[in-house]
Protein backbone atom coordinates (compact mmCIF):
# COMPACT_ATOMS: atom_id res chain seq x y z
CA UNK A 1 -20.94 -0.77 19.98
CA UNK A 2 -21.84 2.19 17.93
CA UNK A 3 -19.20 3.14 15.83
CA UNK A 4 -18.69 5.87 13.16
CA UNK A 5 -15.80 5.74 10.75
CA UNK A 6 -15.09 9.02 8.78
CA UNK A 7 -13.68 8.16 5.55
CA UNK A 8 -14.37 5.58 3.02
CA UNK A 9 -10.96 5.24 1.61
CA UNK A 10 -9.03 2.12 1.65
CA UNK A 11 -8.65 2.20 5.35
CA UNK A 12 -11.91 3.44 6.28
CA UNK A 13 -13.81 1.26 4.23
CA UNK A 14 -11.80 -1.99 5.30
CA UNK A 15 -12.20 -0.91 9.01
CA UNK A 16 -15.90 -0.18 8.69
CA UNK A 17 -16.74 -3.28 7.13
CA UNK A 18 -14.55 -5.28 9.50
CA UNK A 19 -16.01 -3.69 12.60
CA UNK A 20 -19.55 -4.42 11.26
CA UNK A 21 -18.67 -8.06 10.89
CA UNK A 22 -18.26 -8.55 14.44
CA UNK A 23 -21.59 -7.31 15.29
CA UNK A 24 -20.78 -3.54 15.80
CA UNK A 25 -23.42 -1.01 14.56
CA UNK A 26 -21.14 1.04 12.04
CA UNK A 27 -21.90 4.24 10.22
CA UNK A 28 -19.30 5.07 7.40
CA UNK A 29 -19.37 8.62 6.46
CA UNK A 30 -17.62 10.57 3.43
CA UNK A 31 -18.07 14.08 1.67
CA UNK A 32 -17.83 12.10 -1.63
CA UNK A 33 -21.50 11.81 -2.75
CA UNK A 34 -20.60 9.69 -5.80
CA UNK A 35 -18.34 7.03 -3.84
CA UNK A 36 -21.25 6.83 -0.92
CA UNK A 37 -23.81 6.31 -3.73
CA UNK A 38 -21.82 3.47 -5.13
CA UNK A 39 -20.98 1.98 -1.86
CA UNK A 40 -24.64 1.94 -0.99
CA UNK A 41 -25.26 -0.27 -3.96
CA UNK A 42 -22.18 -2.57 -2.69
CA UNK A 43 -20.09 -1.31 -5.54
CA UNK A 44 -16.46 -1.17 -4.11
CA UNK A 45 -14.20 1.31 -5.67
CA UNK A 46 -11.12 -0.58 -4.90
CA UNK A 47 -10.00 -4.10 -5.36
CA UNK A 48 -9.34 -6.04 -2.40
CA UNK A 49 -10.16 -9.61 -1.70
CA UNK A 50 -12.90 -10.36 0.49
CA UNK A 51 -13.86 -6.69 0.95
CA UNK A 52 -16.86 -6.65 -1.55
CA UNK A 53 -18.45 -9.57 0.27
CA UNK A 54 -18.08 -8.22 3.67
CA UNK A 55 -19.80 -4.83 2.50
CA UNK A 56 -22.52 -6.52 0.88
CA UNK A 57 -23.34 -9.06 3.56
CA UNK A 58 -23.09 -6.47 6.58
CA UNK A 59 -25.20 -3.72 4.41
CA UNK A 60 -28.02 -6.16 3.98
CA UNK A 61 -27.97 -7.38 7.63
CA UNK A 62 -28.13 -3.42 8.83
CA UNK A 63 -24.84 -3.37 10.65
CA UNK A 64 -23.09 -1.20 8.00
CA UNK A 65 -24.41 2.23 6.67
CA UNK A 66 -23.17 4.72 4.39
CA UNK A 67 -23.75 8.47 4.33
CA UNK A 68 -22.64 11.87 3.42
CA UNK A 69 -24.30 13.34 6.55
CA UNK A 70 -21.24 13.83 8.65
CA UNK A 71 -23.01 15.54 11.51
CA UNK A 72 -25.43 12.74 11.77
CA UNK A 73 -22.60 10.05 11.67
CA UNK A 74 -20.51 11.80 14.38
CA UNK A 75 -23.66 11.71 16.70
CA UNK A 76 -24.32 8.30 16.01
CA UNK A 77 -20.82 6.65 17.27
CA UNK A 78 -19.75 6.17 20.80
CA UNK A 79 -16.30 5.64 19.11
CA UNK A 80 -15.75 8.06 16.23
CA UNK A 81 -12.72 6.84 13.91
CA UNK A 82 -10.92 9.45 11.82
CA UNK A 83 -9.81 7.52 8.64
CA UNK A 84 -9.21 10.23 5.80
CA UNK A 85 -6.24 10.86 3.74
CA UNK A 86 -2.98 12.29 4.76
CA UNK A 87 -1.05 12.89 1.43
CA UNK A 88 2.39 14.06 1.63
CA UNK A 89 3.28 17.71 0.94
CA UNK A 90 6.18 18.93 -1.20
CA UNK A 91 8.61 18.69 1.70
CA UNK A 92 7.57 15.13 2.66
CA UNK A 93 5.34 16.14 5.73
CA UNK A 94 1.94 14.80 6.06
CA UNK A 95 -0.95 17.17 4.90
CA UNK A 96 -3.45 16.97 8.10
CA UNK A 97 -5.89 19.19 6.51
CA UNK A 98 -8.51 16.63 6.06
CA UNK A 99 -7.89 15.22 9.59
CA UNK A 100 -8.23 18.47 11.27
CA UNK A 101 -11.43 19.32 9.09
CA UNK A 102 -12.85 16.16 10.68
CA UNK A 103 -11.90 17.24 14.15
CA UNK A 104 -13.77 20.45 13.69
CA UNK A 105 -16.99 18.60 12.74
CA UNK A 106 -16.63 16.35 15.60
CA UNK A 107 -16.29 19.54 17.91
CA UNK A 108 -19.23 20.78 16.25
CA UNK A 109 -21.68 17.79 16.74
CA UNK A 110 -20.46 16.09 19.86
CA UNK A 111 -23.45 15.14 21.81
CA UNK A 112 -22.08 12.68 24.41
CA UNK A 113 -18.87 11.45 25.89
CA UNK A 114 -17.01 9.70 23.02
CA UNK A 115 -13.55 8.14 22.14
CA UNK A 116 -12.19 9.98 19.12
CA UNK A 117 -9.60 7.85 17.34
CA UNK A 118 -7.01 8.82 14.79
CA UNK A 119 -6.60 5.93 12.43
CA UNK A 120 -5.30 7.87 9.59
CA UNK A 121 -1.27 7.82 9.31
CA UNK A 122 -0.24 10.86 11.09
CA UNK A 123 2.98 12.21 12.72
CA UNK A 124 3.70 12.53 16.27
CA UNK A 125 1.44 15.20 17.85
CA UNK A 126 -1.43 14.89 15.61
CA UNK A 127 -3.96 13.68 18.25
CA UNK A 128 -3.16 16.71 20.26
CA UNK A 129 -4.01 19.03 17.46
CA UNK A 130 -7.15 16.99 16.93
CA UNK A 131 -7.89 17.43 20.70
CA UNK A 132 -7.39 21.11 20.45
CA UNK A 133 -9.47 21.67 17.39
CA UNK A 134 -12.41 19.85 19.04
CA UNK A 135 -11.93 21.45 22.31
CA UNK A 136 -12.42 24.84 20.63
CA UNK A 137 -15.83 23.99 19.75
CA UNK A 138 -17.29 21.97 22.54
CA UNK A 139 -17.53 21.56 26.42
CA UNK A 140 -18.61 17.69 26.19
CA UNK A 141 -16.05 15.41 27.47
CA UNK A 142 -14.10 13.21 25.15
CA UNK A 143 -10.93 11.00 25.08
CA UNK A 144 -8.40 10.79 22.28
CA UNK A 145 -6.87 7.58 21.11
CA UNK A 146 -4.22 6.87 18.46
CA UNK A 147 -5.07 3.37 16.73
CA UNK A 148 -2.60 3.08 13.58
CA UNK A 149 -3.45 0.58 10.99
CA UNK A 150 -1.11 -2.16 9.63
CA UNK A 151 -3.02 -3.42 6.82
CA UNK A 152 -1.32 -4.97 3.63
CA UNK A 153 -2.87 -4.46 0.45
CA UNK A 154 -4.14 -7.44 -0.87
CA UNK A 155 -4.76 -8.90 2.58
CA UNK A 156 -6.35 -6.21 4.55
CA UNK A 157 -9.24 -8.17 5.50
CA UNK A 158 -7.29 -10.98 6.95
CA UNK A 159 -4.93 -8.68 8.77
CA UNK A 160 -7.90 -6.69 10.30
CA UNK A 161 -9.75 -9.74 11.42
CA UNK A 162 -6.57 -11.71 12.41
CA UNK A 163 -3.90 -8.90 13.44
CA UNK A 164 -0.26 -9.77 14.66
CA UNK A 165 -1.03 -6.91 17.25
CA UNK A 166 -3.24 -3.98 17.87
CA UNK A 167 -1.52 -0.76 18.67
CA UNK A 168 -3.64 1.66 20.84
CA UNK A 169 -2.55 4.97 22.24
CA UNK A 170 -4.86 6.15 25.06
CA UNK A 171 -5.29 9.03 27.43
CA UNK A 172 -7.62 7.71 29.73
CA UNK A 173 -8.94 4.53 31.28
CA UNK A 174 -12.44 5.02 29.76
CA UNK A 175 -10.64 5.11 26.31
CA UNK A 176 -8.61 1.86 27.16
CA UNK A 177 -11.80 0.03 28.23
CA UNK A 178 -13.79 1.09 25.08
CA UNK A 179 -10.82 -0.01 22.70
CA UNK A 180 -10.24 -3.18 24.32
CA UNK A 181 -14.09 -3.92 24.10
CA UNK A 182 -13.91 -3.11 20.45
CA UNK A 183 -11.04 -5.12 19.65
CA UNK A 184 -11.45 -8.11 21.88
CA UNK A 185 -13.11 -10.24 19.10
CA UNK A 186 -9.97 -10.01 16.92
CA UNK A 187 -7.37 -10.96 19.54
CA UNK A 188 -8.98 -14.20 20.85
CA UNK A 189 -6.12 -16.34 19.48
CA UNK A 190 -3.81 -14.60 22.05
CA UNK A 191 -2.15 -11.94 19.86
CA UNK A 192 -1.81 -8.80 21.92
CA UNK A 193 -3.57 -5.36 22.09
CA UNK A 194 -0.58 -3.16 23.01
CA UNK A 195 -1.82 -0.16 24.99
CA UNK A 196 0.70 2.77 25.23
CA UNK A 197 0.75 6.54 25.30
CA UNK A 198 -0.56 8.41 22.29
CA UNK A 199 2.99 9.77 20.82
CA UNK A 200 4.38 6.13 21.03
CA UNK A 201 1.43 4.68 19.11
CA UNK A 202 1.64 7.71 16.64
CA UNK A 203 5.50 6.95 15.86
CA UNK A 204 5.02 2.98 15.92
CA UNK A 205 3.23 3.26 12.55
CA UNK A 206 6.10 5.01 10.99
CA UNK A 207 8.71 2.95 12.67
CA UNK A 208 7.00 -0.35 11.28
CA UNK A 209 6.78 0.92 7.70
CA UNK A 210 10.29 2.41 7.54
CA UNK A 211 11.75 -0.87 9.00
CA UNK A 212 9.90 -2.84 6.20
CA UNK A 213 10.99 -0.38 3.61
CA UNK A 214 14.72 -0.47 4.69
CA UNK A 215 14.83 -4.28 4.44
CA UNK A 216 13.30 -3.80 0.76
CA UNK A 217 15.86 -1.19 0.00
CA UNK A 218 18.55 -3.39 1.70
CA UNK A 219 17.94 -6.19 -0.34
CA UNK A 220 17.68 -4.31 -3.61
CA UNK A 221 21.26 -3.08 -3.04
CA UNK A 222 22.39 -6.31 -2.08
CA UNK A 223 21.03 -7.42 -5.31
CA UNK A 224 22.93 -4.74 -7.26
CA UNK A 225 26.14 -6.06 -5.43
CA UNK A 226 25.29 -9.66 -6.45
CA UNK A 227 25.00 -8.61 -10.14
CA UNK A 228 28.34 -7.09 -9.86
CA UNK A 229 30.33 -9.89 -8.11
CA UNK A 230 28.43 -12.88 -9.78
CA UNK A 231 26.54 -13.98 -6.72
CA UNK A 232 22.83 -15.19 -6.60
CA UNK A 233 20.72 -12.95 -4.33
CA UNK A 234 18.22 -15.68 -3.73
CA UNK A 235 21.06 -17.85 -2.26
CA UNK A 236 22.26 -14.91 -0.09
CA UNK A 237 18.59 -14.32 1.13
CA UNK A 238 18.36 -18.05 1.91
CA UNK A 239 21.46 -17.76 4.14
CA UNK A 240 20.29 -14.41 5.77
CA UNK A 241 16.74 -15.91 6.35
CA UNK A 242 17.86 -18.93 8.35
CA UNK A 243 19.17 -16.69 10.98
CA UNK A 244 16.30 -16.20 13.60
CA UNK A 245 17.24 -12.74 14.26
CA UNK A 246 16.56 -11.68 10.83
CA UNK A 247 13.98 -14.10 9.20
CA UNK A 248 12.85 -14.05 5.51
CA UNK A 249 10.07 -11.49 5.51
CA UNK A 250 10.47 -8.30 3.09
CA UNK A 251 13.88 -9.72 1.91
CA UNK A 252 12.95 -10.14 -1.78
CA UNK A 253 14.51 -7.69 -4.19
CA UNK A 254 12.44 -5.99 -6.77
CA UNK A 255 11.81 -3.01 -8.80
CA UNK A 256 11.29 -0.76 -5.87
CA UNK A 257 8.49 -0.24 -3.25
CA UNK A 258 5.49 1.66 -4.00
CA UNK A 259 1.71 1.83 -2.93
CA UNK A 260 0.24 4.39 -0.59
CA UNK A 261 2.22 3.64 2.65
CA UNK A 262 5.99 3.03 2.16
CA UNK A 263 6.75 5.99 0.24
CA UNK A 264 4.60 8.41 2.06
CA UNK A 265 5.38 7.27 5.37
CA UNK A 266 9.18 7.21 4.89
CA UNK A 267 8.95 10.81 3.70
CA UNK A 268 6.85 11.76 6.73
CA UNK A 269 9.33 10.23 9.10
CA UNK A 270 12.24 11.97 7.43
CA UNK A 271 10.26 15.27 7.84
CA UNK A 272 9.45 14.58 11.53
CA UNK A 273 12.98 13.61 12.21
CA UNK A 274 14.11 17.13 10.74
CA UNK A 275 11.57 18.99 12.46
CA UNK A 276 12.69 17.22 15.78
CA UNK A 277 16.40 18.48 14.92
CA UNK A 278 17.85 15.31 13.78
CA UNK A 279 19.76 14.42 10.45
CA UNK A 280 17.90 11.13 9.42
CA UNK A 281 20.57 9.80 7.27
CA UNK A 282 19.46 6.27 7.31
CA UNK A 283 15.80 7.18 6.68
CA UNK A 284 16.76 9.18 3.84
CA UNK A 285 19.08 6.50 2.29
CA UNK A 286 16.00 4.23 2.22
CA UNK A 287 14.35 6.43 -0.29
CA UNK A 288 17.49 7.21 -2.22
CA UNK A 289 17.98 3.40 -2.96
CA UNK A 290 14.29 2.88 -3.64
CA UNK A 291 14.25 5.98 -6.24
CA UNK A 292 17.44 4.51 -7.97
CA UNK A 293 15.68 1.03 -7.99
CA UNK A 294 12.65 2.25 -9.59
CA UNK A 295 14.78 3.03 -12.78
CA UNK A 296 16.71 -0.16 -13.00
CA UNK A 297 14.25 -2.13 -15.39
CA UNK A 298 14.21 0.74 -17.78
CA UNK A 299 18.10 0.80 -17.76
CA UNK A 300 18.10 -2.82 -18.37
CA UNK A 301 15.71 -2.63 -21.25
CA UNK A 302 17.72 0.45 -22.84
CA UNK A 303 20.84 -1.89 -22.28
CA UNK A 304 19.35 -4.76 -24.05
CA UNK A 305 17.45 -2.84 -26.98
CA UNK A 306 19.34 0.51 -27.39
CA UNK A 307 18.73 3.95 -26.27
CA UNK A 308 16.52 4.78 -29.08
CA UNK A 309 13.35 2.54 -29.36
CA UNK A 310 11.47 3.73 -32.19
CA UNK A 311 9.97 0.96 -34.37
CA UNK A 312 10.63 -1.19 -30.91
CA UNK A 313 7.66 -2.88 -28.97
CA UNK A 314 7.69 -3.72 -25.28
CA UNK A 315 5.38 -6.09 -23.48
CA UNK A 316 4.76 -5.18 -19.70
CA UNK A 317 3.46 -7.66 -17.43
CA UNK A 318 1.77 -6.19 -14.14
CA UNK A 319 1.04 -2.73 -13.60
CA UNK A 320 -0.16 -2.67 -9.91
CA UNK A 321 2.72 -1.85 -7.20
CA UNK A 322 2.14 -5.42 -5.89
CA UNK A 323 -0.07 -8.42 -6.50
CA UNK A 324 -3.37 -8.46 -4.81
CA UNK A 325 -4.13 -4.96 -5.49
CA UNK A 326 -5.18 -2.65 -8.21
CA UNK A 327 -3.20 0.23 -6.54
CA UNK A 328 -0.75 2.13 -8.95
CA UNK A 329 0.14 4.68 -6.31
CA UNK A 330 4.11 5.20 -6.60
CA UNK A 331 4.09 1.93 -8.83
CA UNK A 332 7.44 1.14 -10.55
CA UNK A 333 5.36 0.46 -13.64
CA UNK A 334 4.89 4.32 -14.06
CA UNK A 335 8.56 5.45 -14.48
CA UNK A 336 9.12 2.20 -16.44
CA UNK A 337 6.43 3.06 -18.99
CA UNK A 338 6.97 6.68 -19.06
CA UNK A 339 10.67 6.09 -20.01
CA UNK A 340 9.60 3.52 -22.61
CA UNK A 341 7.34 6.02 -24.36
CA UNK A 342 9.85 8.86 -24.08
CA UNK A 343 12.49 6.48 -25.97
CA UNK A 344 10.00 5.79 -28.61
CA UNK A 345 8.87 2.39 -27.78
CA UNK A 346 5.29 0.99 -28.37
CA UNK A 347 4.18 -0.56 -25.16
CA UNK A 348 1.50 -3.31 -24.63
CA UNK A 349 0.54 -3.94 -21.15
CA UNK A 350 -1.41 -6.46 -19.31
CA UNK A 351 -2.76 -6.52 -15.47
CA UNK A 352 -5.45 -8.65 -14.02
CA UNK A 353 -6.92 -5.89 -11.93
CA UNK A 354 -5.05 -2.45 -12.54
CA UNK A 355 -6.11 -1.84 -16.08
CA UNK A 356 -8.62 0.77 -15.29
CA UNK A 357 -6.38 2.74 -12.95
CA UNK A 358 -3.72 2.61 -15.56
CA UNK A 359 -5.76 3.85 -18.20
CA UNK A 360 -6.22 7.02 -16.13
CA UNK A 361 -2.58 7.64 -16.04
CA UNK A 362 -1.41 6.51 -19.49
CA UNK A 363 -4.52 7.03 -21.64
CA UNK A 364 -4.24 5.82 -25.06
CA UNK A 365 -0.46 5.96 -25.10
CA UNK A 366 -0.17 2.41 -24.04
CA UNK A 367 -2.10 -0.57 -25.71
CA UNK A 368 -3.86 -2.51 -22.69
CA UNK A 369 -4.68 -6.17 -23.45
CA UNK A 370 -6.72 -8.94 -21.74
CA UNK A 371 -4.40 -11.80 -22.26
CA UNK A 372 -0.75 -11.59 -21.31
CA UNK A 373 0.24 -13.57 -24.44
CA UNK A 374 -1.10 -10.57 -26.40
CA UNK A 375 1.40 -8.22 -24.70
CA UNK A 376 4.31 -10.00 -26.13
CA UNK A 377 3.29 -10.88 -29.70
CA UNK A 378 5.95 -9.38 -31.86
CA UNK A 379 7.63 -7.81 -28.67
CA UNK A 380 11.25 -7.11 -28.76
CA UNK A 381 11.37 -7.41 -24.83
CA UNK A 382 9.10 -8.37 -21.97
CA UNK A 383 9.35 -6.39 -18.58
CA UNK A 384 7.83 -8.11 -15.68
CA UNK A 385 6.78 -5.82 -13.04
CA UNK A 386 4.28 -7.40 -10.78
CA UNK A 387 4.29 -10.85 -9.08
CA UNK A 388 0.67 -12.15 -10.35
CA UNK A 389 0.48 -15.74 -9.90
CA UNK A 390 -0.58 -16.26 -13.55
CA UNK A 391 2.70 -15.00 -14.66
CA UNK A 392 4.85 -17.61 -12.66
CA UNK A 393 4.27 -20.66 -14.99
CA UNK A 394 3.53 -19.46 -18.39
CA UNK A 395 4.14 -21.48 -21.72
CA UNK A 396 7.65 -20.58 -22.22
CA UNK A 397 7.68 -22.18 -25.96
CA UNK A 398 4.69 -20.24 -27.02
CA UNK A 399 6.42 -17.03 -25.62
CA UNK A 400 9.55 -17.67 -27.48
CA UNK A 401 7.54 -18.22 -30.60
CA UNK A 402 5.42 -14.89 -30.08
CA UNK A 403 8.47 -12.73 -29.28
CA UNK A 404 10.23 -10.93 -32.16
CA UNK A 405 13.23 -10.79 -29.91
CA UNK A 406 13.52 -13.30 -26.92
CA UNK A 407 14.35 -10.58 -24.30
CA UNK A 408 13.06 -10.99 -20.62
CA UNK A 409 13.78 -8.44 -18.07
CA UNK A 410 12.36 -10.03 -14.85
CA UNK A 411 11.66 -7.50 -11.99
CA UNK A 412 10.34 -10.29 -9.54
CA UNK A 413 12.79 -12.86 -10.13
CA UNK A 414 9.88 -15.37 -11.02
CA UNK A 415 12.11 -17.69 -13.29
CA UNK A 416 15.22 -19.40 -12.97
CA UNK A 417 18.00 -18.03 -15.20
CA UNK A 418 19.56 -21.31 -16.30
CA UNK A 419 16.12 -22.75 -17.17
CA UNK A 420 15.42 -19.43 -19.41
CA UNK A 421 18.67 -19.82 -21.26
CA UNK A 422 17.81 -23.43 -22.08
CA UNK A 423 14.62 -22.01 -23.68
CA UNK A 424 16.66 -19.57 -25.75
CA UNK A 425 15.92 -16.46 -23.89
CA UNK A 426 18.04 -13.53 -23.13
CA UNK A 427 17.08 -13.23 -19.51
CA UNK A 428 17.96 -10.66 -16.72
CA UNK A 429 16.62 -10.96 -13.24
CA UNK A 430 17.49 -8.94 -10.24
CA UNK A 431 20.69 -10.06 -8.48
CA UNK A 432 20.98 -13.47 -10.11
CA UNK A 433 24.34 -12.96 -11.34
CA UNK A 434 26.29 -10.65 -13.71
CA UNK A 435 23.73 -8.39 -15.31
C-alpha cells in the first residue's frame, strides 16, 4: 500500500519504518530539514532498539523515503497518517496547532480518495476538527480514522510489529477495509484489530495511559505507607499480583513516572474531563501523587547528608526516565539534580544512552562520566534513578571502597536491603521498610 506519514518524531518514525518492513511503500515527511537530512543518511535522532536497522534496511530496499516536500508526500499516500507532536498547553490541554496545520496541507493537496489517520495523541473531537479543516479546502472525498499508538519506549518496534491489539476508529466501510489491509500482517497470531467509532478510539489512548499511570501512582503511595509501617512493598506487590484480577504489570514503585506520554496524557485527560463538566478528582490525584514522588529521592538524600551540601559529592546512576531509551522528558532525574545543585552538591552522573540529552539540560553544571564507578569515586551518596541492567549486579566491595560515605538511595529497588547492610551500606529503597 502507498502510505504517507507526516511527522518524523518518535511515533512517526517508528510507524513509518515498521509499515515499510511489511512491504508498504512509505514516505515519511517533516518540515525539519536537518532531521530529514540525517534520516536520509540513516542517522536516527533517538535511541530505540531495532529502529536504526529497520530504517537503514528499508531505505536501502526502496520501501522507505524521507522528504521535506509535504505536498508531494500527501499526494503519494492512499493512507495519510498524521503523527506530529501535541505538547500540552499551560492548562494541560493538548496543543493541536501542528495537527491542524497538517490537516490544511492535506486539504490543499488531496488528489484522490484517501484515508486520513490521526495517530498523534489527541483529545476527543480532534478527528472532526481535522475533517473540518480538510473539507474547507477540497471537494475530493476522504475518510477519517483515529488510530492511537500504544508504543512503550525501549520496546516500540516490537510493540508495533507484535501488538496486543490495534485500536481503529473509522467513519466508513472504506476506511475499515483500508486499515484492515494495512494492519493484517501484524495480527496474524490472533491479537485483535478493534474497530470502533472515532470518539471511542480517541479516548481509549488516554484511558489506557491514565490507568497505567494510576497503577504506578497507587504503588508509589503504597510504598510510602510500607515505609511508615515497616512493611515491604515488594512482598505486598507479590500478594497483589497473584490475584488474576490485578496482575503484576506496572506495580513497581519508583521515583515517579516520566517520558512523553503519561505526564502529558494524564494532564490532557484532566483538561478534557473539565471541559465536559466533570470534576476529575481521581485523574488529578494520579498527577498529585506523581509530583510528590518525584521529590522523594531528593528528600531522602538531604535527610542522609543534611540540607546544605556544599563540599558534598553525589553520584547519580541513570538519567533517562526509564531504561531502554535516551528520553529525558519529565525524567525524575531533572528535579533531583536541580535540587542537589541548588543545595550546593557536586553531581557526577552516568547513563549509557541519555548523556547527550542530559548535557543539553544541565550543561557543565554536572560532570558526566563514561563509567558508573567514576560517578561514585569520593561520593557521599549514590542515587539510582534508572533501572539499566548494568546497575543490577555491580561490585559492591569496589563501590564501598570508592565512596567517601556508604550511602545508597535506590529509586528502583535494585538491591536487597539486608544484603546491602552486610556490605556496610546505609541503604534506602522505596517501600522496603521504615525509611
